[in-house]
N, C-alpha and C. Protein backbone atom coordinates (compact mmCIF):
# COMPACT_ATOMS: atom_id res chain seq x y z
N MET A 1 6.12 -7.98 34.81
CA MET A 1 4.80 -8.55 34.26
C MET A 1 4.81 -10.12 34.50
N SER A 2 3.79 -10.67 35.04
CA SER A 2 3.67 -12.04 35.34
C SER A 2 3.62 -12.87 34.07
N PRO A 3 4.04 -14.09 34.11
CA PRO A 3 3.86 -14.99 32.97
C PRO A 3 2.54 -15.09 32.38
N ILE A 4 1.65 -15.16 33.15
CA ILE A 4 0.20 -15.11 32.63
C ILE A 4 -0.22 -13.91 32.00
N ALA A 5 0.11 -12.76 32.56
CA ALA A 5 -0.17 -11.40 31.91
C ALA A 5 0.60 -11.33 30.75
N ARG A 6 1.81 -11.84 30.68
CA ARG A 6 2.47 -11.64 29.33
C ARG A 6 1.80 -12.54 28.31
N ARG A 7 1.26 -13.69 28.56
CA ARG A 7 0.62 -14.52 27.65
C ARG A 7 -0.60 -13.87 27.07
N ASN A 8 -1.37 -13.17 28.07
CA ASN A 8 -2.63 -12.59 27.55
C ASN A 8 -2.43 -11.29 26.86
N ALA A 9 -1.10 -10.66 26.92
CA ALA A 9 -0.97 -9.39 26.36
C ALA A 9 -1.18 -9.44 24.89
N THR A 10 -1.59 -8.27 24.24
CA THR A 10 -1.88 -8.30 22.77
C THR A 10 -0.72 -7.50 22.22
N THR A 11 -0.33 -7.90 21.03
CA THR A 11 0.76 -7.07 20.36
C THR A 11 0.33 -5.84 19.95
N LYS A 12 0.86 -4.84 20.37
CA LYS A 12 0.63 -3.47 19.97
C LYS A 12 0.94 -3.17 18.51
N LYS A 13 -0.04 -2.43 17.95
CA LYS A 13 0.15 -2.16 16.43
C LYS A 13 0.95 -0.93 16.23
N PRO A 14 1.63 -0.61 15.07
CA PRO A 14 2.06 0.72 14.97
C PRO A 14 1.04 1.69 14.89
N VAL A 15 1.58 2.90 15.52
CA VAL A 15 0.63 4.09 15.58
C VAL A 15 0.97 5.02 14.46
N LEU A 16 0.06 5.02 13.50
CA LEU A 16 0.43 5.86 12.32
C LEU A 16 -0.84 6.82 11.96
N SER A 17 -0.79 8.03 11.36
CA SER A 17 -1.48 8.65 10.98
C SER A 17 -1.41 8.98 9.46
N ARG A 18 -2.55 9.39 8.78
CA ARG A 18 -2.53 9.67 7.24
C ARG A 18 -1.73 10.91 7.04
N LEU A 19 -0.88 10.87 6.00
CA LEU A 19 0.00 11.87 5.62
C LEU A 19 -0.73 12.69 4.69
N ILE A 20 -1.12 13.92 5.16
CA ILE A 20 -1.78 14.98 4.32
C ILE A 20 -0.79 16.20 4.08
N LEU A 21 -0.59 16.32 2.71
CA LEU A 21 0.49 17.36 2.42
C LEU A 21 -0.37 18.58 1.91
N PRO A 22 0.32 19.84 2.25
CA PRO A 22 -0.39 21.02 1.63
C PRO A 22 -0.20 21.37 0.20
N ASP A 23 -0.46 22.40 -0.41
CA ASP A 23 -0.26 22.77 -1.85
C ASP A 23 1.28 22.64 -1.95
N LEU A 24 1.91 21.98 -2.92
CA LEU A 24 3.45 21.84 -3.03
C LEU A 24 3.73 22.76 -4.27
N GLU A 25 4.91 23.05 -4.06
CA GLU A 25 5.63 23.92 -5.29
C GLU A 25 6.53 22.91 -6.19
N PRO A 26 6.16 22.98 -7.56
CA PRO A 26 7.07 22.09 -8.36
C PRO A 26 8.38 22.52 -8.21
N ALA A 27 9.42 21.51 -8.29
CA ALA A 27 10.65 21.69 -8.08
C ALA A 27 11.73 20.98 -9.03
N ASP A 28 12.84 21.30 -9.14
CA ASP A 28 13.77 20.59 -10.11
C ASP A 28 14.86 20.06 -9.11
N ALA A 29 15.71 19.09 -9.74
CA ALA A 29 16.70 18.53 -9.16
C ALA A 29 17.84 19.47 -8.80
N ASP A 30 18.10 20.50 -9.69
CA ASP A 30 19.11 21.45 -9.51
C ASP A 30 18.86 22.41 -8.31
N GLN A 31 17.71 22.33 -7.66
CA GLN A 31 17.28 23.17 -6.61
C GLN A 31 17.90 22.55 -5.27
N LEU A 32 18.20 21.14 -5.41
CA LEU A 32 18.49 20.39 -4.22
C LEU A 32 20.00 20.58 -3.89
N GLU A 33 20.21 20.80 -2.71
CA GLU A 33 21.77 20.83 -2.17
C GLU A 33 22.04 20.24 -0.83
N ALA A 34 23.11 19.65 -0.58
CA ALA A 34 23.51 18.99 0.67
C ALA A 34 23.52 20.14 1.75
N HIS A 35 22.85 19.60 2.90
CA HIS A 35 22.84 20.53 4.05
C HIS A 35 21.73 21.66 4.06
N ASP A 36 20.90 21.71 2.95
CA ASP A 36 19.90 22.60 2.83
C ASP A 36 18.68 22.07 3.42
N SER A 37 17.55 23.01 3.70
CA SER A 37 16.54 22.64 4.05
C SER A 37 15.39 22.95 3.01
N HIS A 38 14.61 21.88 2.55
CA HIS A 38 13.70 22.01 1.55
C HIS A 38 12.26 21.64 1.97
N GLU A 39 11.41 22.78 1.76
CA GLU A 39 10.05 22.55 2.48
C GLU A 39 9.01 22.84 1.30
N GLY A 40 7.85 21.84 1.32
CA GLY A 40 6.74 22.26 0.53
C GLY A 40 7.07 22.15 -0.92
N LEU A 41 8.12 21.13 -1.32
CA LEU A 41 8.37 20.93 -2.77
C LEU A 41 7.84 19.58 -3.27
N ARG A 42 7.49 19.55 -4.55
CA ARG A 42 7.26 18.38 -5.26
C ARG A 42 8.11 18.17 -6.50
N LEU A 43 8.65 17.03 -6.47
CA LEU A 43 9.70 16.67 -7.72
C LEU A 43 8.97 15.48 -8.21
N GLU A 44 8.71 15.53 -9.64
CA GLU A 44 8.15 14.50 -10.37
C GLU A 44 9.02 14.23 -11.51
N GLY A 45 9.43 12.92 -11.65
CA GLY A 45 10.16 12.26 -12.72
C GLY A 45 11.64 12.84 -12.61
N ALA A 46 12.10 13.38 -11.55
CA ALA A 46 13.54 13.89 -11.53
C ALA A 46 14.52 12.91 -11.36
N ASP A 47 15.78 13.20 -11.96
CA ASP A 47 16.78 12.24 -11.84
C ASP A 47 17.76 12.76 -10.96
N LEU A 48 17.99 12.11 -9.63
CA LEU A 48 18.92 12.57 -8.54
C LEU A 48 20.14 11.69 -8.56
N SER A 49 20.37 10.93 -9.55
CA SER A 49 21.42 9.97 -9.47
C SER A 49 22.76 10.62 -9.36
N GLY A 50 23.54 10.13 -8.30
CA GLY A 50 24.90 10.68 -8.09
C GLY A 50 24.72 11.90 -7.32
N LEU A 51 23.71 12.45 -6.90
CA LEU A 51 23.64 13.85 -6.22
C LEU A 51 23.98 13.55 -4.60
N ASP A 52 24.84 14.45 -4.16
CA ASP A 52 25.16 14.42 -2.73
C ASP A 52 24.08 15.20 -1.88
N LEU A 53 23.31 14.73 -1.27
CA LEU A 53 22.43 15.42 -0.45
C LEU A 53 22.60 15.25 1.12
N THR A 54 23.82 15.04 1.43
CA THR A 54 24.24 14.81 2.74
C THR A 54 23.67 15.90 3.64
N GLY A 55 22.91 15.39 4.81
CA GLY A 55 22.60 16.53 5.71
C GLY A 55 21.44 17.46 5.30
N ALA A 56 20.76 16.96 4.08
CA ALA A 56 19.67 17.81 3.57
C ALA A 56 18.33 17.35 4.43
N THR A 57 17.47 18.24 4.50
CA THR A 57 16.19 18.12 5.23
C THR A 57 15.07 18.32 4.23
N PHE A 58 14.12 17.56 4.17
CA PHE A 58 13.09 17.49 3.36
C PHE A 58 11.76 17.46 4.33
N THR A 59 10.95 18.54 4.34
CA THR A 59 9.70 18.66 5.11
C THR A 59 8.62 18.98 4.32
N GLU A 60 7.47 18.12 4.43
CA GLU A 60 6.27 18.26 3.71
C GLU A 60 6.59 18.46 2.19
N CYS A 61 7.47 17.25 1.83
CA CYS A 61 7.83 17.13 0.26
C CYS A 61 7.17 15.98 -0.27
N GLU A 62 7.08 15.98 -1.65
CA GLU A 62 6.49 14.81 -2.22
C GLU A 62 7.57 14.52 -3.50
N LEU A 63 8.13 13.24 -3.62
CA LEU A 63 8.94 12.82 -4.75
C LEU A 63 8.28 11.80 -5.48
N VAL A 64 7.93 11.97 -6.70
CA VAL A 64 7.07 11.03 -7.41
C VAL A 64 7.89 10.48 -8.69
N GLY A 65 8.14 9.19 -8.88
CA GLY A 65 8.72 8.72 -10.13
C GLY A 65 10.23 9.21 -10.04
N VAL A 66 10.86 9.45 -9.05
CA VAL A 66 12.11 9.87 -9.04
C VAL A 66 13.17 8.62 -9.07
N THR A 67 14.28 8.98 -9.87
CA THR A 67 15.45 8.00 -9.74
C THR A 67 16.50 8.55 -8.76
N ALA A 68 16.91 7.65 -8.11
CA ALA A 68 17.96 8.20 -7.08
C ALA A 68 19.15 7.12 -6.98
N HIS A 69 19.78 6.79 -8.07
CA HIS A 69 20.82 5.73 -8.01
C HIS A 69 22.08 6.37 -7.40
N THR A 70 22.68 5.66 -6.46
CA THR A 70 23.92 6.18 -5.82
C THR A 70 23.63 7.65 -5.34
N THR A 71 22.53 8.08 -5.20
CA THR A 71 22.28 9.42 -4.33
C THR A 71 22.59 9.29 -2.80
N THR A 72 23.41 10.19 -2.33
CA THR A 72 23.73 10.22 -1.00
C THR A 72 22.93 11.03 0.04
N LEU A 73 22.18 10.27 1.02
CA LEU A 73 21.23 10.81 1.64
C LEU A 73 21.80 10.62 3.34
N THR A 74 23.16 10.52 3.51
CA THR A 74 23.53 10.47 4.83
C THR A 74 23.31 11.59 5.64
N HIS A 75 22.68 11.31 6.90
CA HIS A 75 22.41 12.33 7.87
C HIS A 75 21.25 13.17 7.39
N ALA A 76 20.62 12.83 6.31
CA ALA A 76 19.49 13.60 5.81
C ALA A 76 18.28 13.33 6.77
N ARG A 77 17.30 14.26 6.68
CA ARG A 77 16.11 14.26 7.44
C ARG A 77 14.98 14.34 6.47
N LEU A 78 14.06 13.28 6.67
CA LEU A 78 12.83 13.31 5.98
C LEU A 78 11.62 13.47 6.69
N ILE A 79 10.91 14.46 6.78
CA ILE A 79 9.79 14.80 7.70
C ILE A 79 8.42 14.82 7.06
N GLU A 80 7.43 14.25 7.38
CA GLU A 80 6.24 14.44 6.71
C GLU A 80 6.39 14.51 5.15
N THR A 81 6.99 13.36 4.58
CA THR A 81 7.32 13.37 3.18
C THR A 81 6.91 12.17 2.43
N ARG A 82 6.41 12.24 1.35
CA ARG A 82 5.99 11.07 0.62
C ARG A 82 6.87 10.81 -0.61
N LEU A 83 7.37 9.48 -0.61
CA LEU A 83 8.17 9.00 -1.75
C LEU A 83 7.34 7.99 -2.43
N GLU A 84 7.06 8.14 -3.76
CA GLU A 84 6.31 7.42 -4.56
C GLU A 84 7.01 6.98 -5.78
N ARG A 85 6.99 5.67 -6.09
CA ARG A 85 7.72 5.04 -7.34
C ARG A 85 9.05 5.56 -7.41
N LEU A 86 9.78 5.42 -6.12
CA LEU A 86 11.19 5.77 -6.25
C LEU A 86 12.06 4.43 -6.83
N ASN A 87 12.81 4.85 -7.70
CA ASN A 87 13.74 3.83 -8.27
C ASN A 87 15.29 4.25 -7.88
N ALA A 88 15.80 3.24 -7.16
CA ALA A 88 17.38 3.43 -6.64
C ALA A 88 17.89 2.08 -6.54
N PRO A 89 18.64 1.60 -7.61
CA PRO A 89 19.41 0.57 -7.51
C PRO A 89 20.42 0.56 -6.30
N VAL A 90 20.93 1.69 -5.93
CA VAL A 90 21.76 1.71 -4.73
C VAL A 90 21.45 3.10 -3.95
N LEU A 91 21.16 3.14 -2.82
CA LEU A 91 20.78 4.26 -2.10
C LEU A 91 21.42 4.41 -0.64
N ASP A 92 22.29 5.48 -0.55
CA ASP A 92 22.97 5.56 0.79
C ASP A 92 22.14 6.50 1.61
N ALA A 93 21.33 5.87 2.68
CA ALA A 93 20.79 6.79 3.71
C ALA A 93 21.22 6.48 5.03
N THR A 94 22.27 6.17 5.13
CA THR A 94 22.80 5.80 6.55
C THR A 94 22.77 7.08 7.51
N ARG A 95 22.44 6.77 8.77
CA ARG A 95 22.40 7.72 9.93
C ARG A 95 21.25 8.83 9.38
N SER A 96 20.24 8.42 8.58
CA SER A 96 19.18 9.31 8.28
C SER A 96 18.09 9.32 9.23
N THR A 97 17.24 10.26 9.26
CA THR A 97 16.07 10.34 10.11
C THR A 97 14.85 10.33 9.25
N TRP A 98 13.91 9.45 9.52
CA TRP A 98 12.69 9.30 8.64
C TRP A 98 11.45 9.51 9.88
N ARG A 99 10.60 10.53 9.69
CA ARG A 99 9.62 10.71 10.58
C ARG A 99 8.29 11.06 9.68
N ASP A 100 7.20 10.31 9.87
CA ASP A 100 5.96 10.52 9.13
C ASP A 100 6.15 10.54 7.69
N VAL A 101 6.82 9.41 7.25
CA VAL A 101 7.11 9.26 5.92
C VAL A 101 6.41 8.08 5.23
N GLU A 102 5.93 8.23 4.03
CA GLU A 102 5.27 7.11 3.16
C GLU A 102 6.09 6.76 1.86
N LEU A 103 6.59 5.60 1.88
CA LEU A 103 7.33 5.08 0.66
C LEU A 103 6.36 4.00 0.06
N SER A 104 6.04 4.21 -1.20
CA SER A 104 5.13 3.28 -1.89
C SER A 104 5.53 2.97 -3.29
N GLY A 105 5.13 1.81 -3.76
CA GLY A 105 5.41 1.47 -5.09
C GLY A 105 6.71 1.64 -5.63
N SER A 106 7.66 1.48 -4.81
CA SER A 106 9.12 1.77 -5.16
C SER A 106 10.01 0.42 -5.34
N ARG A 107 11.16 0.62 -6.31
CA ARG A 107 11.99 -0.35 -6.28
C ARG A 107 13.39 -0.02 -6.09
N LEU A 108 13.77 -0.54 -4.87
CA LEU A 108 15.26 -0.35 -4.42
C LEU A 108 16.15 -1.46 -4.34
N GLY A 109 17.36 -1.42 -4.97
CA GLY A 109 18.26 -2.58 -4.95
C GLY A 109 18.90 -2.68 -3.58
N ALA A 110 20.11 -2.01 -3.25
CA ALA A 110 20.77 -2.07 -1.96
C ALA A 110 20.26 -0.68 -1.28
N LEU A 111 19.61 -0.93 -0.24
CA LEU A 111 19.35 0.36 0.65
C LEU A 111 20.10 0.18 2.04
N ASP A 112 21.04 1.19 2.08
CA ASP A 112 21.89 1.08 3.12
C ASP A 112 21.41 2.30 4.11
N ILE A 113 20.81 1.92 5.14
CA ILE A 113 20.09 2.81 6.11
C ILE A 113 20.39 2.44 7.54
N TYR A 114 21.77 2.03 7.66
CA TYR A 114 22.05 1.60 9.17
C TYR A 114 22.24 2.70 9.98
N ASP A 115 22.02 2.56 11.38
CA ASP A 115 22.30 3.66 12.24
C ASP A 115 21.30 4.72 12.09
N ALA A 116 19.98 4.50 11.71
CA ALA A 116 19.17 5.52 11.22
C ALA A 116 18.04 5.52 12.23
N GLU A 117 17.07 6.49 12.15
CA GLU A 117 16.04 6.72 13.19
C GLU A 117 14.74 6.79 12.23
N ILE A 118 13.85 5.80 12.35
CA ILE A 118 12.74 5.60 11.43
C ILE A 118 11.54 5.46 12.35
N ARG A 119 10.71 6.52 12.16
CA ARG A 119 9.52 6.64 13.11
C ARG A 119 8.21 6.97 12.26
N SER A 120 7.01 6.32 12.66
CA SER A 120 5.73 6.70 12.12
C SER A 120 5.93 6.59 10.50
N THR A 121 6.55 5.49 10.03
CA THR A 121 6.71 5.31 8.68
C THR A 121 5.97 4.23 8.06
N ARG A 122 5.51 4.47 6.78
CA ARG A 122 4.71 3.20 6.17
C ARG A 122 5.40 3.17 4.84
N ILE A 123 5.75 1.59 4.63
CA ILE A 123 6.36 1.29 3.48
C ILE A 123 5.52 0.29 2.71
N VAL A 124 4.96 0.57 1.56
CA VAL A 124 4.04 -0.18 0.90
C VAL A 124 4.29 -0.68 -0.50
N GLY A 125 4.12 -1.86 -0.80
CA GLY A 125 4.10 -2.17 -2.22
C GLY A 125 5.38 -2.05 -2.97
N SER A 126 6.44 -2.24 -2.21
CA SER A 126 7.79 -2.09 -2.67
C SER A 126 8.83 -3.27 -2.65
N LYS A 127 9.76 -3.31 -3.62
CA LYS A 127 10.69 -4.42 -3.58
C LYS A 127 12.14 -3.95 -3.27
N PHE A 128 12.68 -4.73 -2.64
CA PHE A 128 14.15 -4.41 -2.16
C PHE A 128 14.99 -5.64 -2.37
N ASP A 129 16.15 -5.49 -2.77
CA ASP A 129 17.13 -6.69 -2.82
C ASP A 129 17.86 -6.85 -1.56
N TRP A 130 18.07 -5.60 -0.85
CA TRP A 130 18.77 -5.71 0.50
C TRP A 130 18.43 -4.55 1.50
N ILE A 131 18.04 -4.71 2.54
CA ILE A 131 17.73 -3.65 3.30
C ILE A 131 18.75 -3.61 4.61
N ASN A 132 19.79 -2.66 4.65
CA ASN A 132 20.60 -2.84 5.76
C ASN A 132 20.29 -1.89 6.93
N LEU A 133 19.52 -2.36 7.93
CA LEU A 133 18.86 -1.52 8.97
C LEU A 133 19.83 -1.82 10.29
N ARG A 134 20.98 -2.21 10.25
CA ARG A 134 21.91 -2.47 11.43
C ARG A 134 21.93 -1.27 12.37
N SER A 135 21.76 -1.49 13.43
CA SER A 135 21.80 -0.63 14.66
C SER A 135 20.88 0.62 14.39
N SER A 136 19.77 0.45 13.79
CA SER A 136 18.84 1.59 13.56
C SER A 136 17.88 1.43 14.72
N THR A 137 16.89 2.56 14.82
CA THR A 137 15.90 2.58 15.75
C THR A 137 14.63 2.83 14.83
N LEU A 138 13.67 1.72 14.95
CA LEU A 138 12.42 1.81 14.45
C LEU A 138 11.30 1.78 15.44
N GLU A 139 10.30 2.76 15.24
CA GLU A 139 9.24 3.01 16.09
C GLU A 139 7.97 3.22 15.18
N ASP A 140 7.03 2.54 15.39
CA ASP A 140 5.65 2.71 14.62
C ASP A 140 6.09 2.78 13.18
N VAL A 141 6.37 1.42 12.62
CA VAL A 141 6.80 1.33 11.32
C VAL A 141 5.92 0.14 10.67
N LEU A 142 5.44 0.40 9.58
CA LEU A 142 4.50 -0.74 8.90
C LEU A 142 5.15 -0.99 7.65
N PHE A 143 5.40 -2.38 7.31
CA PHE A 143 5.85 -2.68 5.95
C PHE A 143 4.61 -3.53 5.35
N GLU A 144 3.95 -3.22 4.30
CA GLU A 144 2.83 -3.90 3.61
C GLU A 144 3.05 -4.28 2.28
N ASP A 145 2.75 -5.39 1.89
CA ASP A 145 3.06 -5.84 0.34
C ASP A 145 4.36 -5.77 -0.10
N CYS A 146 5.33 -5.85 0.71
CA CYS A 146 6.71 -5.61 0.17
C CYS A 146 7.24 -7.01 0.00
N THR A 147 8.45 -7.04 -0.82
CA THR A 147 9.19 -8.16 -1.14
C THR A 147 10.65 -7.82 -0.96
N ILE A 148 11.36 -8.58 -0.08
CA ILE A 148 12.64 -8.30 0.45
C ILE A 148 13.52 -9.49 0.27
N ASP A 149 14.69 -9.44 -0.46
CA ASP A 149 15.65 -10.49 -0.60
C ASP A 149 16.23 -10.71 0.80
N GLU A 150 17.01 -9.71 1.25
CA GLU A 150 17.78 -9.86 2.32
C GLU A 150 17.51 -8.52 3.38
N LEU A 151 16.92 -8.89 4.53
CA LEU A 151 16.64 -7.93 5.55
C LEU A 151 17.60 -8.09 6.75
N ASP A 152 18.47 -7.02 6.98
CA ASP A 152 19.44 -7.14 8.03
C ASP A 152 18.91 -6.24 8.99
N LEU A 153 18.45 -6.85 10.22
CA LEU A 153 17.84 -6.18 11.32
C LEU A 153 18.97 -6.33 12.56
N ALA A 154 20.12 -6.59 12.28
CA ALA A 154 21.08 -6.71 13.30
C ALA A 154 21.36 -5.64 14.10
N GLY A 155 21.08 -5.72 15.51
CA GLY A 155 21.41 -4.47 16.33
C GLY A 155 20.41 -3.60 16.37
N VAL A 156 19.06 -3.86 15.77
CA VAL A 156 18.23 -2.79 15.58
C VAL A 156 17.41 -2.76 17.02
N THR A 157 16.80 -1.66 17.27
CA THR A 157 15.90 -1.49 18.51
C THR A 157 14.55 -1.14 17.88
N ALA A 158 13.68 -2.04 17.85
CA ALA A 158 12.37 -1.96 17.09
C ALA A 158 11.21 -1.97 18.18
N THR A 159 10.17 -0.94 17.99
CA THR A 159 9.06 -1.01 18.84
C THR A 159 7.88 -0.84 17.99
N ARG A 160 6.83 -1.65 17.95
CA ARG A 160 5.65 -1.45 17.40
C ARG A 160 5.78 -1.42 15.79
N VAL A 161 6.37 -2.57 15.25
CA VAL A 161 6.83 -2.72 14.01
C VAL A 161 5.96 -3.88 13.47
N ALA A 162 5.35 -3.72 12.40
CA ALA A 162 4.58 -4.89 11.85
C ALA A 162 4.65 -5.06 10.20
N PHE A 163 4.50 -6.38 9.95
CA PHE A 163 4.66 -6.64 8.48
C PHE A 163 3.24 -7.26 7.95
N VAL A 164 2.63 -6.88 6.96
CA VAL A 164 1.58 -7.40 6.37
C VAL A 164 1.86 -7.86 4.79
N ASN A 165 1.54 -9.08 4.64
CA ASN A 165 1.47 -9.57 3.36
C ASN A 165 2.99 -9.34 2.74
N CYS A 166 3.91 -9.72 3.39
CA CYS A 166 5.44 -9.35 3.07
C CYS A 166 6.14 -10.79 2.95
N ARG A 167 7.33 -10.71 2.27
CA ARG A 167 8.19 -11.94 2.10
C ARG A 167 9.67 -11.49 2.22
N ALA A 168 10.38 -12.20 2.97
CA ALA A 168 11.95 -11.85 3.08
C ALA A 168 12.61 -13.12 2.86
N SER A 169 13.55 -13.30 1.91
CA SER A 169 14.26 -14.54 1.67
C SER A 169 15.20 -14.85 2.92
N SER A 170 15.84 -13.89 3.44
CA SER A 170 16.63 -14.08 4.62
C SER A 170 16.41 -12.97 5.54
N VAL A 171 16.57 -13.33 6.79
CA VAL A 171 16.31 -12.13 7.89
C VAL A 171 17.58 -12.47 8.88
N ALA A 172 18.27 -11.32 9.26
CA ALA A 172 19.46 -11.48 10.23
C ALA A 172 18.93 -10.62 11.39
N LEU A 173 19.04 -11.32 12.59
CA LEU A 173 18.67 -10.76 13.88
C LEU A 173 19.51 -10.61 15.03
N ALA A 174 20.81 -10.69 14.58
CA ALA A 174 21.88 -10.72 15.73
C ALA A 174 21.81 -9.38 16.49
N HIS A 175 21.72 -9.63 18.04
CA HIS A 175 21.64 -8.59 18.91
C HIS A 175 20.46 -7.59 18.80
N ALA A 176 19.36 -8.01 18.08
CA ALA A 176 18.17 -7.35 17.93
C ALA A 176 17.47 -6.91 19.25
N ARG A 177 16.84 -5.96 19.34
CA ARG A 177 16.01 -5.79 20.71
C ARG A 177 14.60 -5.30 20.20
N LEU A 178 13.70 -6.36 20.30
CA LEU A 178 12.34 -6.16 19.64
C LEU A 178 11.31 -6.09 20.90
N LYS A 179 10.24 -5.29 20.49
CA LYS A 179 9.09 -5.08 21.29
C LYS A 179 7.96 -4.81 20.55
N ASP A 180 6.97 -5.60 20.56
CA ASP A 180 5.70 -5.53 19.88
C ASP A 180 5.98 -5.50 18.28
N VAL A 181 6.93 -6.39 18.01
CA VAL A 181 7.17 -6.48 16.66
C VAL A 181 6.33 -7.69 15.89
N ASP A 182 5.55 -7.52 15.07
CA ASP A 182 4.54 -8.35 14.61
C ASP A 182 5.20 -9.10 13.28
N LEU A 183 5.58 -10.32 13.29
CA LEU A 183 6.15 -11.04 12.00
C LEU A 183 5.06 -11.93 11.45
N ARG A 184 3.83 -12.00 12.08
CA ARG A 184 2.94 -12.79 11.45
C ARG A 184 2.56 -12.66 9.95
N GLY A 185 2.79 -11.48 9.62
CA GLY A 185 2.66 -11.02 8.00
C GLY A 185 3.83 -11.13 7.29
N LEU A 186 4.80 -11.90 7.83
CA LEU A 186 6.04 -11.76 7.04
C LEU A 186 6.61 -13.46 6.69
N GLU A 187 6.53 -13.76 5.62
CA GLU A 187 7.04 -15.04 5.18
C GLU A 187 8.54 -14.98 5.05
N MET A 188 9.09 -15.85 6.10
CA MET A 188 10.57 -15.85 6.12
C MET A 188 11.28 -16.95 5.75
N GLY A 189 12.39 -16.89 4.92
CA GLY A 189 13.22 -17.87 4.57
C GLY A 189 14.18 -18.25 5.54
N ALA A 190 15.44 -18.10 5.16
CA ALA A 190 16.56 -18.31 6.30
C ALA A 190 16.53 -17.37 7.30
N ILE A 191 16.67 -17.60 8.57
CA ILE A 191 16.77 -16.76 9.63
C ILE A 191 18.05 -17.01 10.50
N SER A 192 18.81 -16.06 10.68
CA SER A 192 20.07 -16.13 11.55
C SER A 192 19.88 -15.59 12.89
N ASN A 193 20.52 -16.04 13.78
CA ASN A 193 20.60 -15.54 15.11
C ASN A 193 19.03 -15.44 15.75
N LEU A 194 18.61 -16.66 15.96
CA LEU A 194 17.10 -16.92 16.42
C LEU A 194 16.96 -16.06 17.75
N GLU A 195 18.10 -15.97 18.60
CA GLU A 195 17.95 -15.38 19.87
C GLU A 195 17.38 -13.80 19.67
N GLY A 196 17.70 -13.35 18.60
CA GLY A 196 17.33 -11.99 18.35
C GLY A 196 15.71 -11.81 18.09
N MET A 197 15.03 -12.93 18.08
CA MET A 197 13.59 -12.88 17.78
C MET A 197 12.76 -12.68 19.15
N SER A 198 13.48 -12.69 20.29
CA SER A 198 12.75 -12.37 21.52
C SER A 198 12.05 -10.99 21.34
N GLY A 199 10.78 -11.00 21.77
CA GLY A 199 9.93 -9.76 21.66
C GLY A 199 9.06 -9.67 20.39
N ALA A 200 9.29 -10.79 19.55
CA ALA A 200 8.47 -10.82 18.28
C ALA A 200 7.32 -11.61 18.42
N THR A 201 6.23 -11.44 17.60
CA THR A 201 4.97 -12.30 17.59
C THR A 201 4.92 -13.02 16.45
N LEU A 202 4.75 -14.35 16.49
CA LEU A 202 4.51 -15.23 15.52
C LEU A 202 3.16 -15.95 15.60
N ASP A 203 2.75 -16.45 14.52
CA ASP A 203 1.53 -17.21 14.51
C ASP A 203 1.89 -18.81 14.62
N ALA A 204 0.90 -19.61 14.80
CA ALA A 204 1.18 -21.12 15.28
C ALA A 204 1.87 -21.65 14.09
N GLN A 205 1.44 -21.40 12.80
CA GLN A 205 1.94 -22.08 11.65
C GLN A 205 3.38 -21.63 11.54
N GLN A 206 3.91 -20.55 11.74
CA GLN A 206 5.16 -20.13 11.62
C GLN A 206 5.93 -20.96 12.77
N VAL A 207 5.40 -20.99 13.89
CA VAL A 207 6.11 -21.69 14.89
C VAL A 207 6.34 -23.08 14.69
N THR A 208 5.33 -23.65 14.02
CA THR A 208 5.62 -25.14 13.56
C THR A 208 6.50 -25.26 12.56
N GLU A 209 6.53 -24.31 11.49
CA GLU A 209 7.53 -24.61 10.43
C GLU A 209 8.88 -24.11 10.95
N MET A 210 9.10 -23.36 12.06
CA MET A 210 10.32 -23.13 12.50
C MET A 210 10.90 -23.99 13.66
N ALA A 211 9.94 -24.93 13.95
CA ALA A 211 10.44 -25.80 15.09
C ALA A 211 11.78 -26.52 14.91
N PRO A 212 12.08 -27.07 13.73
CA PRO A 212 13.34 -27.69 13.62
C PRO A 212 14.57 -26.61 13.95
N ALA A 213 14.41 -25.36 13.41
CA ALA A 213 15.42 -24.34 13.60
C ALA A 213 15.49 -23.95 15.08
N PHE A 214 14.33 -24.02 15.84
CA PHE A 214 14.38 -23.71 17.18
C PHE A 214 15.18 -24.62 18.05
N ALA A 215 14.74 -26.02 17.49
CA ALA A 215 15.41 -27.13 18.13
C ALA A 215 16.89 -27.34 17.94
N SER A 216 17.38 -26.99 16.84
CA SER A 216 18.89 -26.78 16.48
C SER A 216 19.48 -25.79 17.29
N HIS A 217 18.67 -24.67 17.36
CA HIS A 217 19.39 -23.51 18.09
C HIS A 217 19.42 -23.80 19.60
N LEU A 218 18.64 -24.59 20.10
CA LEU A 218 18.53 -24.96 21.49
C LEU A 218 19.29 -26.21 21.81
N GLY A 219 19.73 -26.85 20.88
CA GLY A 219 20.53 -28.01 21.13
C GLY A 219 19.71 -29.21 21.28
N ILE A 220 18.43 -29.22 20.87
CA ILE A 220 17.57 -30.38 21.25
C ILE A 220 17.54 -31.35 20.07
N ARG A 221 17.49 -32.55 20.49
CA ARG A 221 17.51 -33.65 19.45
C ARG A 221 16.15 -34.24 19.27
N VAL A 222 15.59 -34.28 18.22
CA VAL A 222 14.21 -34.65 17.98
C VAL A 222 14.29 -36.05 17.28
N GLU A 223 13.92 -37.22 17.96
CA GLU A 223 13.79 -38.55 17.21
C GLU A 223 12.46 -38.93 17.28
N GLY A 224 12.21 -39.67 16.15
CA GLY A 224 10.77 -40.23 16.12
C GLY A 224 10.63 -41.50 16.76
């Protein structure tokens, strides 16, 4: 692509469709087991704290008002599933797969979700102390009205990811590979590894505010 065409290109938005679930069957926490497949279930107000759900698959499920402190979701698969008002001070979802997922109104402390595959996922109105997305693949992901203390995107491969009305106190971008990643709606505090920002979209105000950091990164001395 020529420099002129690149300048005129428009950042592509995440491609997302509305999640519509069928009639769901009420379920309890004691029905869930590691490596099992769970389909068409609705859990409301359940306490999954400490539960090992390694390798479990949730398809067309809904979890509402669920507590999941130290729940293990390593290698789990969430497909066409809605998570609403999830409370998880610590949640291990490493190497998990999320496809057509909605996470809303939730409060998570440390979310370990590195080396994961996250596609067609919408995360709305949620708060996080720390999200570890290292080495994960993100495609068609939207963060909206979210507050994140630490956002670790080191080593991610991200395509069509957008932030709307979000704030992150710190962002790590070492070795990130970004394409059509829209950061215009993300208020960022400290940023590490600015070279990982290649492929992202910023607005003019963000570029102005970040000018000292860019100059320092490039070894440019600015004198009045």
